């Protein structure tokens, strides 16, 4: 995982805990979760719009090829 071992990850978690405190971390995670949820909803909406647009388009007329 990006060349990070267990000691490095533990150190990063301790630094985050010291900087933000135990009470602030749940708020940060809640905000992160909401952001991910909004991103996934927007992604699904765009995918749906693209699929609907492709269904509405008529397939282009391809001239028959001569296979003699």
PDB file of N, CA and C in Angstrom:
ATOM      1  N   UNK A   1       0.853  -1.183   0.000  1.00  0.00           N
ATOM      2  CA  UNK A   1       0.000   0.000   0.000  1.00  0.00           C
ATOM      3  C   UNK A   1       0.891   1.235   0.000  1.00  0.00           C
ATOM      4  N   UNK A   2       1.332   1.664  -1.152  1.00  0.00           N
ATOM      5  CA  UNK A   2       2.146   2.862  -1.341  1.00  0.00           C
ATOM      6  C   UNK A   2       3.473   2.780  -0.576  1.00  0.00           C
ATOM      7  N   UNK A   3       3.937   1.585  -0.289  1.00  0.00           N
ATOM      8  CA  UNK A   3       5.208   1.428   0.399  1.00  0.00           C
ATOM      9  C   UNK A   3       5.140   1.760   1.874  1.00  0.00           C
ATOM     10  N   UNK A   4       3.949   1.864   2.438  1.00  0.00           N
ATOM     11  CA  UNK A   4       3.809   2.159   3.861  1.00  0.00           C
ATOM     12  C   UNK A   4       3.663   0.861   4.638  1.00  0.00           C
ATOM     13  N   UNK A   5       4.461   0.732   5.677  1.00  0.00           N
ATOM     14  CA  UNK A   5       4.350  -0.439   6.539  1.00  0.00           C
ATOM     15  C   UNK A   5       3.466  -0.127   7.731  1.00  0.00           C
ATOM     16  N   UNK A   6       3.302  -1.110   8.580  1.00  0.00           N
ATOM     17  CA  UNK A   6       2.464  -0.950   9.772  1.00  0.00           C
ATOM     18  C   UNK A   6       2.962   0.165  10.686  1.00  0.00           C
ATOM     19  N   UNK A   7       4.278   0.246  10.946  1.00  0.00           N
ATOM     20  CA  UNK A   7       4.734   1.334  11.842  1.00  0.00           C
ATOM     21  C   UNK A   7       4.419   2.730  11.305  1.00  0.00           C
ATOM     22  N   UNK A   8       4.544   2.912   9.990  1.00  0.00           N
ATOM     23  CA  UNK A   8       4.262   4.223   9.408  1.00  0.00           C
ATOM     24  C   UNK A   8       2.784   4.574   9.516  1.00  0.00           C
ATOM     25  N   UNK A   9       1.926   3.590   9.277  1.00  0.00           N
ATOM     26  CA  UNK A   9       0.487   3.833   9.366  1.00  0.00           C
ATOM     27  C   UNK A   9       0.088   4.164  10.796  1.00  0.00           C
ATOM     28  N   UNK A  10       0.648   3.445  11.764  1.00  0.00           N
ATOM     29  CA  UNK A  10       0.355   3.709  13.180  1.00  0.00           C
ATOM     30  C   UNK A  10       0.814   5.113  13.545  1.00  0.00           C
ATOM     31  N   UNK A  11       1.988   5.509  13.083  1.00  0.00           N
ATOM     32  CA  UNK A  11       2.502   6.854  13.366  1.00  0.00           C
ATOM     33  C   UNK A  11       1.590   7.923  12.773  1.00  0.00           C
ATOM     34  N   UNK A  12       1.115   7.715  11.556  1.00  0.00           N
ATOM     35  CA  UNK A  12       0.209   8.673  10.924  1.00  0.00           C
ATOM     36  C   UNK A  12      -1.091   8.778  11.717  1.00  0.00           C
ATOM     37  N   UNK A  13      -1.631   7.647  12.161  1.00  0.00           N
ATOM     38  CA  UNK A  13      -2.865   7.661  12.955  1.00  0.00           C
ATOM     39  C   UNK A  13      -2.673   8.390  14.273  1.00  0.00           C
ATOM     40  N   UNK A  14      -1.529   8.203  14.910  1.00  0.00           N
ATOM     41  CA  UNK A  14      -1.255   8.900  16.177  1.00  0.00           C
ATOM     42  C   UNK A  14      -1.156  10.401  15.945  1.00  0.00           C
ATOM     43  N   UNK A  15      -0.489  10.810  14.867  1.00  0.00           N
ATOM     44  CA  UNK A  15      -0.362  12.239  14.559  1.00  0.00           C
ATOM     45  C   UNK A  15      -1.738  12.846  14.289  1.00  0.00           C
ATOM     46  N   UNK A  16      -2.578  12.139  13.549  1.00  0.00           N
ATOM     47  CA  UNK A  16      -3.927  12.639  13.269  1.00  0.00           C
ATOM     48  C   UNK A  16      -4.711  12.766  14.567  1.00  0.00           C
ATOM     49  N   UNK A  17      -4.595  11.787  15.447  1.00  0.00           N
ATOM     50  CA  UNK A  17      -5.309  11.823  16.723  1.00  0.00           C
ATOM     51  C   UNK A  17      -4.840  12.995  17.578  1.00  0.00           C
ATOM     52  N   UNK A  18      -3.538  13.256  17.594  1.00  0.00           N
ATOM     53  CA  UNK A  18      -3.010  14.368  18.386  1.00  0.00           C
ATOM     54  C   UNK A  18      -3.441  15.706  17.787  1.00  0.00           C
ATOM     55  N   UNK A  19      -3.392  15.833  16.463  1.00  0.00           N
ATOM     56  CA  UNK A  19      -3.729  17.100  15.819  1.00  0.00           C
ATOM     57  C   UNK A  19      -5.211  17.445  15.931  1.00  0.00           C
ATOM     58  N   UNK A  20      -6.072  16.469  15.717  1.00  0.00           N
ATOM     59  CA  UNK A  20      -7.499  16.757  15.660  1.00  0.00           C
ATOM     60  C   UNK A  20      -8.240  16.413  16.946  1.00  0.00           C
ATOM     61  N   UNK A  21      -7.701  15.563  17.758  1.00  0.00           N
ATOM     62  CA  UNK A  21      -8.380  15.185  18.991  1.00  0.00           C
ATOM     63  C   UNK A  21      -9.439  14.126  18.746  1.00  0.00           C
ATOM     64  N   UNK A  22      -9.809  13.439  19.800  1.00  0.00           N
ATOM     65  CA  UNK A  22     -10.750  12.336  19.701  1.00  0.00           C
ATOM     66  C   UNK A  22     -12.161  12.764  19.339  1.00  0.00           C
ATOM     67  N   UNK A  23     -12.541  13.979  19.697  1.00  0.00           N
ATOM     68  CA  UNK A  23     -13.911  14.430  19.431  1.00  0.00           C
ATOM     69  C   UNK A  23     -14.087  14.923  18.001  1.00  0.00           C
ATOM     70  N   UNK A  24     -13.028  15.381  17.390  1.00  0.00           N
ATOM     71  CA  UNK A  24     -13.122  15.962  16.042  1.00  0.00           C
ATOM     72  C   UNK A  24     -13.080  14.899  14.940  1.00  0.00           C
ATOM     73  N   UNK A  25     -12.458  13.774  15.223  1.00  0.00           N
ATOM     74  CA  UNK A  25     -12.291  12.737  14.198  1.00  0.00           C
ATOM     75  C   UNK A  25     -13.629  12.202  13.694  1.00  0.00           C
ATOM     76  N   UNK A  26     -14.620  11.888  14.577  1.00  0.00           N
ATOM     77  CA  UNK A  26     -15.909  11.422  14.034  1.00  0.00           C
ATOM     78  C   UNK A  26     -16.573  12.439  13.111  1.00  0.00           C
ATOM     79  N   UNK A  27     -16.430  13.723  13.430  1.00  0.00           N
ATOM     80  CA  UNK A  27     -16.998  14.751  12.555  1.00  0.00           C
ATOM     81  C   UNK A  27     -16.299  14.750  11.192  1.00  0.00           C
ATOM     82  N   UNK A  28     -14.986  14.593  11.204  1.00  0.00           N
ATOM     83  CA  UNK A  28     -14.236  14.550   9.949  1.00  0.00           C
ATOM     84  C   UNK A  28     -14.646  13.339   9.118  1.00  0.00           C
ATOM     85  N   UNK A  29     -14.783  12.195   9.746  1.00  0.00           N
ATOM     86  CA  UNK A  29     -15.169  10.982   9.033  1.00  0.00           C
ATOM     87  C   UNK A  29     -16.598  11.078   8.493  1.00  0.00           C
ATOM     88  N   UNK A  30     -17.479  11.707   9.256  1.00  0.00           N
ATOM     89  CA  UNK A  30     -18.862  11.897   8.808  1.00  0.00           C
ATOM     90  C   UNK A  30     -18.879  12.775   7.555  1.00  0.00           C
ATOM     91  N   UNK A  31     -18.116  13.856   7.580  1.00  0.00           N
ATOM     92  CA  UNK A  31     -18.032  14.735   6.412  1.00  0.00           C
ATOM     93  C   UNK A  31     -17.433  14.024   5.208  1.00  0.00           C
ATOM     94  N   UNK A  32     -16.420  13.195   5.451  1.00  0.00           N
ATOM     95  CA  UNK A  32     -15.809  12.431   4.369  1.00  0.00           C
ATOM     96  C   UNK A  32     -16.815  11.446   3.781  1.00  0.00           C
ATOM     97  N   UNK A  33     -17.595  10.791   4.630  1.00  0.00           N
ATOM     98  CA  UNK A  33     -18.612   9.850   4.169  1.00  0.00           C
ATOM     99  C   UNK A  33     -19.679  10.537   3.339  1.00  0.00           C
ATOM    100  N   UNK A  34     -20.101  11.718   3.764  1.00  0.00           N
ATOM    101  CA  UNK A  34     -21.100  12.467   2.998  1.00  0.00           C
ATOM    102  C   UNK A  34     -20.556  12.864   1.632  1.00  0.00           C
ATOM    103  N   UNK A  35     -19.297  13.258   1.611  1.00  0.00           N
ATOM    104  CA  UNK A  35     -18.681  13.627   0.333  1.00  0.00           C
ATOM    105  C   UNK A  35     -18.611  12.449  -0.620  1.00  0.00           C
ATOM    106  N   UNK A  36     -18.245  11.278  -0.103  1.00  0.00           N
ATOM    107  CA  UNK A  36     -18.171  10.080  -0.940  1.00  0.00           C
ATOM    108  C   UNK A  36     -19.558   9.708  -1.444  1.00  0.00           C
ATOM    109  N   UNK A  37     -20.573   9.816  -0.567  1.00  0.00           N
ATOM    110  CA  UNK A  37     -21.947   9.506  -0.968  1.00  0.00           C
ATOM    111  C   UNK A  37     -22.414  10.437  -2.089  1.00  0.00           C
ATOM    112  N   UNK A  38     -22.140  11.732  -1.946  1.00  0.00           N
ATOM    113  CA  UNK A  38     -22.533  12.698  -2.979  1.00  0.00           C
ATOM    114  C   UNK A  38     -21.818  12.417  -4.298  1.00  0.00           C
ATOM    115  N   UNK A  39     -20.544  12.067  -4.214  1.00  0.00           N
ATOM    116  CA  UNK A  39     -19.773  11.758  -5.412  1.00  0.00           C
ATOM    117  C   UNK A  39     -20.367  10.552  -6.130  1.00  0.00           C
ATOM    118  N   UNK A  40     -20.685   9.504  -5.381  1.00  0.00           N
ATOM    119  CA  UNK A  40     -21.256   8.300  -5.991  1.00  0.00           C
ATOM    120  C   UNK A  40     -22.634   8.578  -6.591  1.00  0.00           C
ATOM    121  N   UNK A  41     -23.424   9.417  -5.936  1.00  0.00           N
ATOM    122  CA  UNK A  41     -24.742   9.767  -6.476  1.00  0.00           C
ATOM    123  C   UNK A  41     -24.590  10.546  -7.782  1.00  0.00           C
ATOM    124  N   UNK A  42     -23.657  11.482  -7.820  1.00  0.00           N
ATOM    125  CA  UNK A  42     -23.428  12.257  -9.046  1.00  0.00           C
ATOM    126  C   UNK A  42     -22.912  11.352 -10.157  1.00  0.00           C
ATOM    127  N   UNK A  43     -22.043  10.418  -9.816  1.00  0.00           N
ATOM    128  CA  UNK A  43     -21.505   9.483 -10.809  1.00  0.00           C
ATOM    129  C   UNK A  43     -22.620   8.617 -11.389  1.00  0.00           C
ATOM    130  N   UNK A  44     -23.508   8.135 -10.537  1.00  0.00           N
ATOM    131  CA  UNK A  44     -24.628   7.308 -11.004  1.00  0.00           C
ATOM    132  C   UNK A  44     -25.574   8.131 -11.875  1.00  0.00           C
ATOM    133  N   UNK A  45     -25.792   9.393 -11.502  1.00  0.00           N
ATOM    134  CA  UNK A  45     -26.668  10.272 -12.276  1.00  0.00           C
ATOM    135  C   UNK A  45     -26.096  10.517 -13.670  1.00  0.00           C
ATOM    136  N   UNK A  46     -24.822  10.766 -13.754  1.00  0.00           N
ATOM    137  CA  UNK A  46     -24.182  11.002 -15.051  1.00  0.00           C
ATOM    138  C   UNK A  46     -24.246   9.743 -15.900  1.00  0.00           C
ATOM    139  N   UNK A  47     -24.002   8.589 -15.289  1.00  0.00           N
ATOM    140  CA  UNK A  47     -24.055   7.325 -16.030  1.00  0.00           C
ATOM    141  C   UNK A  47     -25.452   7.095 -16.593  1.00  0.00           C
ATOM    142  N   UNK A  48     -26.477   7.372 -15.778  1.00  0.00           N
ATOM    143  CA  UNK A  48     -27.861   7.202 -16.224  1.00  0.00           C
ATOM    144  C   UNK A  48     -28.172   8.133 -17.387  1.00  0.00           C
ATOM    145  N   UNK A  49     -27.738   9.392 -17.285  1.00  0.00           N
ATOM    146  CA  UNK A  49     -27.995  10.348 -18.357  1.00  0.00           C
ATOM    147  C   UNK A  49     -27.318   9.925 -19.652  1.00  0.00           C
ATOM    148  N   UNK A  50     -26.113   9.429 -19.563  1.00  0.00           N
ATOM    149  CA  UNK A  50     -25.394   8.987 -20.768  1.00  0.00           C
ATOM    150  C   UNK A  50     -26.102   7.796 -21.391  1.00  0.00           C
ATOM    151  N   UNK A  51     -26.519   6.838 -20.557  1.00  0.00           N
ATOM    152  CA  UNK A  51     -27.214   5.663 -21.092  1.00  0.00           C
ATOM    153  C   UNK A  51     -28.538   6.049 -21.740  1.00  0.00           C
ATOM    154  N   UNK A  52     -29.283   6.974 -21.126  1.00  0.00           N
ATOM    155  CA  UNK A  52     -30.539   7.429 -21.713  1.00  0.00           C
ATOM    156  C   UNK A  52     -30.291   8.149 -23.032  1.00  0.00           C
ATOM    157  N   UNK A  53     -29.248   8.944 -23.086  1.00  0.00           N
ATOM    158  CA  UNK A  53     -28.911   9.655 -24.316  1.00  0.00           C
ATOM    159  C   UNK A  53     -28.544   8.702 -25.436  1.00  0.00           C
ATOM    160  N   UNK A  54     -27.856   7.619 -25.100  1.00  0.00           N
ATOM    161  CA  UNK A  54     -27.482   6.650 -26.127  1.00  0.00           C
ATOM    162  C   UNK A  54     -28.701   5.876 -26.613  1.00  0.00           C
ATOM    163  N   UNK A  55     -29.681   5.651 -25.741  1.00  0.00           N
ATOM    164  CA  UNK A  55     -30.897   4.953 -26.150  1.00  0.00           C
ATOM    165  C   UNK A  55     -31.730   5.819 -27.093  1.00  0.00           C
ATOM    166  N   UNK A  56     -31.715   7.134 -26.855  1.00  0.00           N
ATOM    167  CA  UNK A  56     -32.515   8.048 -27.663  1.00  0.00           C
ATOM    168  C   UNK A  56     -31.924   8.247 -29.050  1.00  0.00           C
ATOM    169  N   UNK A  57     -30.601   8.126 -29.151  1.00  0.00           N
ATOM    170  CA  UNK A  57     -29.962   8.300 -30.456  1.00  0.00           C
ATOM    171  C   UNK A  57     -30.323   7.138 -31.356  1.00  0.00           C
ATOM    172  N   UNK A  58     -30.592   7.463 -32.583  1.00  0.00           N
ATOM    173  CA  UNK A  58     -30.872   6.412 -33.554  1.00  0.00           C
ATOM    174  C   UNK A  58     -29.542   5.876 -34.065  1.00  0.00           C
ATOM    175  N   UNK A  59     -29.454   4.576 -34.250  1.00  0.00           N
ATOM    176  CA  UNK A  59     -28.199   4.038 -34.796  1.00  0.00           C
ATOM    177  C   UNK A  59     -27.980   4.555 -36.210  1.00  0.00           C
ATOM    178  N   UNK A  60     -26.763   4.891 -36.524  1.00  0.00           N
ATOM    179  CA  UNK A  60     -26.456   5.423 -37.859  1.00  0.00           C
ATOM    180  C   UNK A  60     -26.598   4.311 -38.885  1.00  0.00           C
ATOM    181  N   UNK A  61     -27.002   4.720 -40.062  1.00  0.00           N
ATOM    182  CA  UNK A  61     -27.197   3.771 -41.145  1.00  0.00           C
ATOM    183  C   UNK A  61     -25.829   3.408 -41.738  1.00  0.00           C
ATOM    184  N   UNK A  62     -25.485   2.138 -41.650  1.00  0.00           N
ATOM    185  CA  UNK A  62     -24.226   1.670 -42.194  1.00  0.00           C
ATOM    186  C   UNK A  62     -24.529   1.041 -43.551  1.00  0.00           C
ATOM    187  N   UNK A  63     -23.871   1.509 -44.614  1.00  0.00           N
ATOM    188  CA  UNK A  63     -24.143   0.948 -45.934  1.00  0.00           C
ATOM    189  C   UNK A  63     -23.695  -0.514 -45.972  1.00  0.00           C
ATOM    190  N   UNK A  64     -24.481  -1.340 -46.653  1.00  0.00           N
ATOM    191  CA  UNK A  64     -24.071  -2.757 -46.728  1.00  0.00           C
ATOM    192  C   UNK A  64     -22.772  -2.897 -47.498  1.00  0.00           C
ATOM    193  N   UNK A  65     -21.933  -3.797 -47.044  1.00  0.00           N
ATOM    194  CA  UNK A  65     -20.654  -3.989 -47.718  1.00  0.00           C
ATOM    195  C   UNK A  65     -20.797  -5.080 -48.768  1.00  0.00           C
ATOM    196  N   UNK A  66     -20.024  -4.957 -49.831  1.00  0.00           N
ATOM    197  CA  UNK A  66     -20.056  -5.950 -50.895  1.00  0.00           C
ATOM    198  C   UNK A  66     -18.980  -6.983 -50.604  1.00  0.00           C
ATOM    199  N   UNK A  67     -19.390  -8.171 -50.272  1.00  0.00           N
ATOM    200  CA  UNK A  67     -18.443  -9.257 -49.984  1.00  0.00           C
ATOM    201  C   UNK A  67     -18.492 -10.270 -51.138  1.00  0.00           C
ATOM    202  N   UNK A  68     -17.854  -9.937 -52.241  1.00  0.00           N
ATOM    203  CA  UNK A  68     -17.845 -10.831 -53.405  1.00  0.00           C
ATOM    204  C   UNK A  68     -16.517 -11.500 -53.537  1.00  0.00           C
TER     205      UNK A  68
END
